[in-house]
Amino acid sequence: MRKLILLPALMSALLALNACTQASEPASAPEKTAPAVADPAVAMPEDAPPQEEAMAPEAGPTGTAATPAETASCLSAIGAARSARLVQRCIAVSPATHPPCNASNPCEMIQGEIDRSCAMWGPGETRPVECAA
């Protein structure tokens, strides 16, 4: 019985001693820093796929640069009531885990998700009523 009482005391004494010795020892491993990359083109491997330009304008539905109406939020483009109905339709039909059904996205993006989701239904399947609207 006496051994069981001394064991926790011995363990806490060893832990305290270990904590004291670790704090007093200097760090032996040097700090790791990220390598500086001057030119991103040099840092890419030769067989890497081409990368998109960071400042390239977004392409609109026609493949040209997006107009301000295409990039404006749906809320500002068509108003609160109509954008809320569009968002609810999108949420109802989209199987995506993170669909773009948000009034801050362009209406074209939300409608595109509705169209994509409704197109997944087969010819013999019953589509949700939101696909008919």
N, C-alpha and C. Protein backbone atom coordinates (compact mmCIF):
# COMPACT_ATOMS: atom_id res chain seq x y z
N MET A 1 0.81 -1.19 0.00
CA MET A 1 0.00 0.00 0.00
C MET A 1 0.85 1.25 0.00
N ARG A 2 1.97 1.20 0.72
CA ARG A 2 2.84 2.36 0.82
C ARG A 2 3.44 2.70 -0.55
N LYS A 3 3.71 1.70 -1.40
CA LYS A 3 4.28 1.94 -2.73
C LYS A 3 3.30 2.74 -3.60
N LEU A 4 2.02 2.48 -3.48
CA LEU A 4 1.01 3.18 -4.27
C LEU A 4 0.92 4.66 -3.89
N ILE A 5 1.16 4.98 -2.64
CA ILE A 5 1.11 6.36 -2.19
C ILE A 5 2.33 7.12 -2.67
N LEU A 6 3.48 6.48 -2.69
CA LEU A 6 4.71 7.14 -3.09
C LEU A 6 4.82 7.31 -4.61
N LEU A 7 4.16 6.47 -5.35
CA LEU A 7 4.28 6.53 -6.81
C LEU A 7 3.80 7.87 -7.39
N PRO A 8 2.62 8.39 -7.01
CA PRO A 8 2.23 9.70 -7.56
C PRO A 8 3.17 10.82 -7.15
N ALA A 9 3.69 10.78 -5.93
CA ALA A 9 4.62 11.81 -5.48
C ALA A 9 5.91 11.75 -6.27
N LEU A 10 6.38 10.54 -6.53
CA LEU A 10 7.61 10.37 -7.30
C LEU A 10 7.41 10.85 -8.74
N MET A 11 6.24 10.54 -9.33
CA MET A 11 5.97 10.95 -10.71
C MET A 11 5.91 12.48 -10.83
N SER A 12 5.26 13.16 -9.89
CA SER A 12 5.20 14.61 -9.98
C SER A 12 6.54 15.24 -9.74
N ALA A 13 7.39 14.64 -8.90
CA ALA A 13 8.74 15.17 -8.70
C ALA A 13 9.57 15.03 -9.97
N LEU A 14 9.43 13.91 -10.66
CA LEU A 14 10.17 13.71 -11.91
C LEU A 14 9.69 14.68 -12.99
N LEU A 15 8.40 14.90 -13.08
CA LEU A 15 7.88 15.84 -14.07
C LEU A 15 8.36 17.26 -13.79
N ALA A 16 8.38 17.64 -12.53
CA ALA A 16 8.86 18.98 -12.18
C ALA A 16 10.34 19.13 -12.51
N LEU A 17 11.12 18.10 -12.23
CA LEU A 17 12.55 18.13 -12.53
C LEU A 17 12.77 18.19 -14.04
N ASN A 18 11.99 17.44 -14.78
CA ASN A 18 12.11 17.43 -16.24
C ASN A 18 11.76 18.81 -16.81
N ALA A 19 10.75 19.45 -16.27
CA ALA A 19 10.36 20.77 -16.76
C ALA A 19 11.44 21.80 -16.49
N CYS A 20 12.11 21.70 -15.36
CA CYS A 20 13.18 22.64 -15.03
C CYS A 20 14.39 22.46 -15.92
N THR A 21 14.74 21.23 -16.24
CA THR A 21 15.92 21.00 -17.08
C THR A 21 15.65 21.39 -18.51
N GLN A 22 14.43 21.21 -18.99
CA GLN A 22 14.14 21.59 -20.37
C GLN A 22 14.16 23.09 -20.55
N ALA A 23 13.71 23.85 -19.59
CA ALA A 23 13.66 25.30 -19.70
C ALA A 23 15.05 25.91 -19.69
N SER A 24 16.00 25.27 -19.00
CA SER A 24 17.33 25.85 -18.90
C SER A 24 18.22 25.50 -20.08
N GLU A 25 17.87 24.48 -20.85
CA GLU A 25 18.70 24.09 -21.98
C GLU A 25 18.44 25.03 -23.16
N PRO A 26 19.49 25.45 -23.86
CA PRO A 26 19.28 26.30 -25.04
C PRO A 26 18.71 25.47 -26.19
N ALA A 27 18.01 26.13 -27.04
CA ALA A 27 17.44 25.44 -28.20
C ALA A 27 18.56 25.06 -29.13
N SER A 28 18.61 23.77 -29.48
CA SER A 28 19.70 23.30 -30.32
C SER A 28 19.35 23.38 -31.80
N ALA A 29 18.08 23.31 -32.13
CA ALA A 29 17.69 23.35 -33.53
C ALA A 29 17.52 24.79 -33.98
N PRO A 30 18.09 25.14 -35.13
CA PRO A 30 17.90 26.52 -35.63
C PRO A 30 16.46 26.70 -36.09
N GLU A 31 16.01 27.94 -36.05
CA GLU A 31 14.67 28.24 -36.51
C GLU A 31 14.57 28.06 -38.01
N LYS A 32 13.46 27.48 -38.43
CA LYS A 32 13.24 27.27 -39.86
C LYS A 32 12.55 28.49 -40.44
N THR A 33 13.06 28.99 -41.52
CA THR A 33 12.44 30.12 -42.20
C THR A 33 12.14 29.70 -43.63
N ALA A 34 11.14 30.29 -44.18
CA ALA A 34 10.77 29.97 -45.56
C ALA A 34 11.82 30.57 -46.49
N PRO A 35 12.20 29.82 -47.53
CA PRO A 35 13.17 30.36 -48.47
C PRO A 35 12.59 31.54 -49.23
N ALA A 36 13.40 32.54 -49.44
CA ALA A 36 12.96 33.72 -50.18
C ALA A 36 12.94 33.40 -51.66
N VAL A 37 11.85 33.75 -52.32
CA VAL A 37 11.71 33.51 -53.75
C VAL A 37 11.60 34.87 -54.42
N ALA A 38 12.59 35.21 -55.21
CA ALA A 38 12.61 36.51 -55.86
C ALA A 38 11.67 36.53 -57.06
N ASP A 39 11.73 35.51 -57.90
CA ASP A 39 10.93 35.46 -59.11
C ASP A 39 10.06 34.21 -59.10
N PRO A 40 8.73 34.34 -59.06
CA PRO A 40 7.88 33.16 -59.01
C PRO A 40 8.05 32.26 -60.23
N ALA A 41 8.40 32.80 -61.37
CA ALA A 41 8.58 31.98 -62.56
C ALA A 41 9.77 31.04 -62.40
N VAL A 42 10.78 31.47 -61.66
CA VAL A 42 11.95 30.64 -61.44
C VAL A 42 11.62 29.53 -60.44
N ALA A 43 10.74 29.80 -59.48
CA ALA A 43 10.43 28.84 -58.43
C ALA A 43 9.58 27.69 -58.94
N MET A 44 8.87 27.84 -60.05
CA MET A 44 8.00 26.79 -60.56
C MET A 44 8.82 25.74 -61.30
N PRO A 45 8.51 24.47 -61.12
CA PRO A 45 9.19 23.43 -61.89
C PRO A 45 8.85 23.56 -63.37
N GLU A 46 9.72 23.07 -64.21
CA GLU A 46 9.52 23.21 -65.66
C GLU A 46 8.28 22.46 -66.14
N ASP A 47 7.94 21.34 -65.49
CA ASP A 47 6.81 20.55 -65.94
C ASP A 47 5.50 20.95 -65.27
N ALA A 48 5.49 22.06 -64.52
CA ALA A 48 4.28 22.52 -63.86
C ALA A 48 3.30 23.07 -64.89
N PRO A 49 1.98 22.89 -64.67
CA PRO A 49 1.01 23.43 -65.61
C PRO A 49 1.02 24.94 -65.56
N PRO A 50 0.57 25.61 -66.62
CA PRO A 50 0.55 27.07 -66.62
C PRO A 50 -0.34 27.60 -65.51
N GLN A 51 0.06 28.70 -64.92
CA GLN A 51 -0.67 29.31 -63.83
C GLN A 51 -1.47 30.49 -64.34
N GLU A 52 -2.62 30.75 -63.70
CA GLU A 52 -3.42 31.90 -64.07
C GLU A 52 -2.76 33.16 -63.58
N GLU A 53 -2.97 34.23 -64.29
CA GLU A 53 -2.45 35.52 -63.87
C GLU A 53 -3.25 36.00 -62.67
N ALA A 54 -2.59 36.54 -61.69
CA ALA A 54 -3.27 36.99 -60.48
C ALA A 54 -4.19 38.18 -60.75
N MET A 55 -3.83 39.03 -61.67
CA MET A 55 -4.61 40.24 -61.92
C MET A 55 -5.43 40.14 -63.20
N ALA A 56 -5.63 38.94 -63.74
CA ALA A 56 -6.41 38.80 -64.97
C ALA A 56 -7.87 39.13 -64.69
N PRO A 57 -8.53 39.84 -65.61
CA PRO A 57 -9.95 40.16 -65.38
C PRO A 57 -10.78 38.89 -65.47
N GLU A 58 -11.86 38.83 -64.70
CA GLU A 58 -12.73 37.67 -64.74
C GLU A 58 -13.45 37.63 -66.08
N ALA A 59 -13.60 36.44 -66.60
CA ALA A 59 -14.32 36.29 -67.86
C ALA A 59 -15.80 36.20 -67.60
N GLY A 60 -16.56 36.89 -68.37
CA GLY A 60 -18.01 36.86 -68.26
C GLY A 60 -18.56 35.66 -69.01
N PRO A 61 -19.89 35.55 -69.14
CA PRO A 61 -20.50 34.40 -69.79
C PRO A 61 -20.14 34.30 -71.27
N THR A 62 -19.76 35.40 -71.90
CA THR A 62 -19.41 35.37 -73.31
C THR A 62 -17.93 35.11 -73.53
N GLY A 63 -17.14 34.98 -72.45
CA GLY A 63 -15.72 34.74 -72.57
C GLY A 63 -14.91 36.03 -72.58
N THR A 64 -15.57 37.16 -72.61
CA THR A 64 -14.87 38.44 -72.58
C THR A 64 -14.75 38.90 -71.14
N ALA A 65 -14.10 40.01 -70.94
CA ALA A 65 -13.97 40.54 -69.58
C ALA A 65 -15.34 40.85 -69.01
N ALA A 66 -15.52 40.55 -67.74
CA ALA A 66 -16.82 40.73 -67.10
C ALA A 66 -17.17 42.20 -66.98
N THR A 67 -18.43 42.51 -67.19
CA THR A 67 -18.90 43.87 -67.02
C THR A 67 -19.26 44.09 -65.56
N PRO A 68 -19.36 45.32 -65.12
CA PRO A 68 -19.72 45.56 -63.72
C PRO A 68 -21.05 44.93 -63.32
N ALA A 69 -22.02 44.83 -64.25
CA ALA A 69 -23.31 44.21 -63.92
C ALA A 69 -23.15 42.72 -63.65
N GLU A 70 -22.17 42.08 -64.32
CA GLU A 70 -21.96 40.65 -64.12
C GLU A 70 -21.24 40.35 -62.82
N THR A 71 -20.48 41.29 -62.29
CA THR A 71 -19.73 41.06 -61.06
C THR A 71 -20.40 41.68 -59.85
N ALA A 72 -21.45 42.46 -60.03
CA ALA A 72 -22.15 43.09 -58.91
C ALA A 72 -22.93 42.02 -58.16
N SER A 73 -23.18 42.27 -56.90
CA SER A 73 -23.95 41.30 -56.12
C SER A 73 -25.37 41.24 -56.65
N CYS A 74 -25.97 40.07 -56.49
CA CYS A 74 -27.35 39.89 -56.93
C CYS A 74 -28.27 40.79 -56.12
N LEU A 75 -27.95 40.97 -54.86
CA LEU A 75 -28.75 41.84 -54.00
C LEU A 75 -28.81 43.25 -54.55
N SER A 76 -27.67 43.78 -54.97
CA SER A 76 -27.66 45.15 -55.50
C SER A 76 -28.21 45.20 -56.92
N ALA A 77 -28.14 44.09 -57.65
CA ALA A 77 -28.60 44.10 -59.03
C ALA A 77 -30.12 44.00 -59.15
N ILE A 78 -30.77 43.15 -58.34
CA ILE A 78 -32.21 42.96 -58.52
C ILE A 78 -33.02 43.21 -57.25
N GLY A 79 -32.37 43.56 -56.16
CA GLY A 79 -33.10 43.89 -54.95
C GLY A 79 -33.20 42.72 -53.97
N ALA A 80 -33.63 43.05 -52.77
CA ALA A 80 -33.65 42.08 -51.68
C ALA A 80 -34.66 40.95 -51.89
N ALA A 81 -35.88 41.28 -52.28
CA ALA A 81 -36.93 40.26 -52.40
C ALA A 81 -36.63 39.27 -53.52
N ARG A 82 -36.29 39.79 -54.70
CA ARG A 82 -36.02 38.91 -55.84
C ARG A 82 -34.75 38.09 -55.64
N SER A 83 -33.71 38.69 -55.07
CA SER A 83 -32.48 37.93 -54.83
C SER A 83 -32.70 36.87 -53.76
N ALA A 84 -33.52 37.14 -52.76
CA ALA A 84 -33.82 36.14 -51.73
C ALA A 84 -34.55 34.95 -52.32
N ARG A 85 -35.49 35.19 -53.25
CA ARG A 85 -36.19 34.08 -53.91
C ARG A 85 -35.22 33.25 -54.75
N LEU A 86 -34.32 33.92 -55.45
CA LEU A 86 -33.34 33.22 -56.27
C LEU A 86 -32.40 32.38 -55.39
N VAL A 87 -31.97 32.92 -54.29
CA VAL A 87 -31.10 32.20 -53.36
C VAL A 87 -31.83 30.98 -52.79
N GLN A 88 -33.11 31.12 -52.42
CA GLN A 88 -33.87 30.00 -51.87
C GLN A 88 -34.05 28.90 -52.91
N ARG A 89 -34.29 29.27 -54.16
CA ARG A 89 -34.38 28.27 -55.24
C ARG A 89 -33.06 27.54 -55.39
N CYS A 90 -31.97 28.27 -55.34
CA CYS A 90 -30.63 27.69 -55.49
C CYS A 90 -30.35 26.69 -54.36
N ILE A 91 -30.65 27.09 -53.14
CA ILE A 91 -30.41 26.21 -51.99
C ILE A 91 -31.26 24.95 -52.09
N ALA A 92 -32.49 25.09 -52.57
CA ALA A 92 -33.40 23.96 -52.66
C ALA A 92 -32.95 22.91 -53.66
N VAL A 93 -32.28 23.31 -54.74
CA VAL A 93 -31.94 22.34 -55.79
C VAL A 93 -30.47 21.93 -55.80
N SER A 94 -29.59 22.69 -55.21
CA SER A 94 -28.16 22.42 -55.33
C SER A 94 -27.71 21.28 -54.43
N PRO A 95 -27.01 20.29 -55.01
CA PRO A 95 -26.45 19.21 -54.21
C PRO A 95 -25.05 19.52 -53.68
N ALA A 96 -24.51 20.67 -54.04
CA ALA A 96 -23.15 21.03 -53.66
C ALA A 96 -23.04 21.25 -52.15
N THR A 97 -21.87 20.93 -51.59
CA THR A 97 -21.67 21.14 -50.16
C THR A 97 -21.48 22.62 -49.83
N HIS A 98 -20.93 23.39 -50.75
CA HIS A 98 -20.76 24.84 -50.57
C HIS A 98 -21.23 25.53 -51.85
N PRO A 99 -22.52 25.54 -52.11
CA PRO A 99 -23.00 26.14 -53.35
C PRO A 99 -22.88 27.66 -53.31
N PRO A 100 -22.85 28.29 -54.48
CA PRO A 100 -22.75 29.75 -54.53
C PRO A 100 -24.09 30.44 -54.33
N CYS A 101 -24.96 29.85 -53.53
CA CYS A 101 -26.30 30.38 -53.29
C CYS A 101 -26.24 31.46 -52.23
N ASN A 102 -25.75 32.62 -52.61
CA ASN A 102 -25.59 33.73 -51.68
C ASN A 102 -25.87 35.02 -52.44
N ALA A 103 -26.67 35.88 -51.87
CA ALA A 103 -27.07 37.12 -52.56
C ALA A 103 -25.90 38.05 -52.82
N SER A 104 -24.76 37.82 -52.17
CA SER A 104 -23.59 38.67 -52.45
C SER A 104 -22.86 38.23 -53.72
N ASN A 105 -23.20 37.06 -54.26
CA ASN A 105 -22.65 36.60 -55.54
C ASN A 105 -23.47 37.19 -56.68
N PRO A 106 -22.91 37.22 -57.89
CA PRO A 106 -23.68 37.71 -59.04
C PRO A 106 -24.88 36.80 -59.31
N CYS A 107 -25.97 37.39 -59.78
CA CYS A 107 -27.18 36.62 -60.09
C CYS A 107 -26.89 35.53 -61.12
N GLU A 108 -26.01 35.83 -62.07
CA GLU A 108 -25.67 34.85 -63.11
C GLU A 108 -25.03 33.61 -62.50
N MET A 109 -24.24 33.79 -61.47
CA MET A 109 -23.61 32.65 -60.81
C MET A 109 -24.66 31.80 -60.09
N ILE A 110 -25.58 32.44 -59.41
CA ILE A 110 -26.62 31.73 -58.68
C ILE A 110 -27.53 30.99 -59.66
N GLN A 111 -27.94 31.68 -60.74
CA GLN A 111 -28.79 31.04 -61.75
C GLN A 111 -28.05 29.90 -62.43
N GLY A 112 -26.76 30.06 -62.64
CA GLY A 112 -25.95 28.99 -63.24
C GLY A 112 -25.95 27.74 -62.37
N GLU A 113 -25.88 27.91 -61.05
CA GLU A 113 -25.93 26.77 -60.13
C GLU A 113 -27.30 26.11 -60.18
N ILE A 114 -28.36 26.91 -60.28
CA ILE A 114 -29.71 26.34 -60.40
C ILE A 114 -29.81 25.53 -61.69
N ASP A 115 -29.34 26.10 -62.80
CA ASP A 115 -29.39 25.41 -64.09
C ASP A 115 -28.57 24.12 -64.06
N ARG A 116 -27.39 24.18 -63.49
CA ARG A 116 -26.51 23.01 -63.41
C ARG A 116 -27.16 21.91 -62.57
N SER A 117 -27.72 22.30 -61.44
CA SER A 117 -28.34 21.34 -60.54
C SER A 117 -29.58 20.70 -61.16
N CYS A 118 -30.39 21.51 -61.82
CA CYS A 118 -31.61 20.98 -62.43
C CYS A 118 -31.30 20.09 -63.63
N ALA A 119 -30.18 20.33 -64.29
CA ALA A 119 -29.80 19.51 -65.44
C ALA A 119 -29.35 18.11 -65.02
N MET A 120 -29.08 17.91 -63.73
CA MET A 120 -28.64 16.59 -63.25
C MET A 120 -29.78 15.57 -63.20
N TRP A 121 -31.01 16.02 -63.21
CA TRP A 121 -32.14 15.11 -63.13
C TRP A 121 -32.31 14.40 -64.46
N GLY A 122 -32.58 13.12 -64.40
CA GLY A 122 -32.75 12.31 -65.60
C GLY A 122 -34.12 12.51 -66.22
N PRO A 123 -34.33 11.96 -67.43
CA PRO A 123 -35.60 12.14 -68.14
C PRO A 123 -36.80 11.54 -67.40
N GLY A 124 -36.63 10.45 -66.69
CA GLY A 124 -37.76 9.82 -66.01
C GLY A 124 -37.93 10.25 -64.57
N GLU A 125 -37.08 11.14 -64.10
CA GLU A 125 -37.13 11.56 -62.70
C GLU A 125 -37.97 12.81 -62.53
N THR A 126 -38.55 12.94 -61.34
CA THR A 126 -39.37 14.11 -61.04
C THR A 126 -38.46 15.21 -60.51
N ARG A 127 -38.42 16.33 -61.22
CA ARG A 127 -37.59 17.47 -60.80
C ARG A 127 -38.28 18.24 -59.69
N PRO A 128 -37.48 18.92 -58.86
CA PRO A 128 -38.10 19.78 -57.84
C PRO A 128 -38.87 20.91 -58.52
N VAL A 129 -39.85 21.46 -57.83
CA VAL A 129 -40.65 22.55 -58.40
C VAL A 129 -39.79 23.77 -58.65
N GLU A 130 -38.69 23.92 -57.91
CA GLU A 130 -37.79 25.08 -58.09
C GLU A 130 -37.11 25.06 -59.45
N CYS A 131 -37.04 23.89 -60.10
CA CYS A 131 -36.42 23.81 -61.43
C CYS A 131 -37.35 24.35 -62.50
N ALA A 132 -38.65 24.35 -62.25
CA ALA A 132 -39.62 24.82 -63.24
C ALA A 132 -39.78 26.33 -63.23
N ALA A 133 -39.40 26.97 -62.15
CA ALA A 133 -39.61 28.41 -62.03
C ALA A 133 -38.73 29.21 -62.93
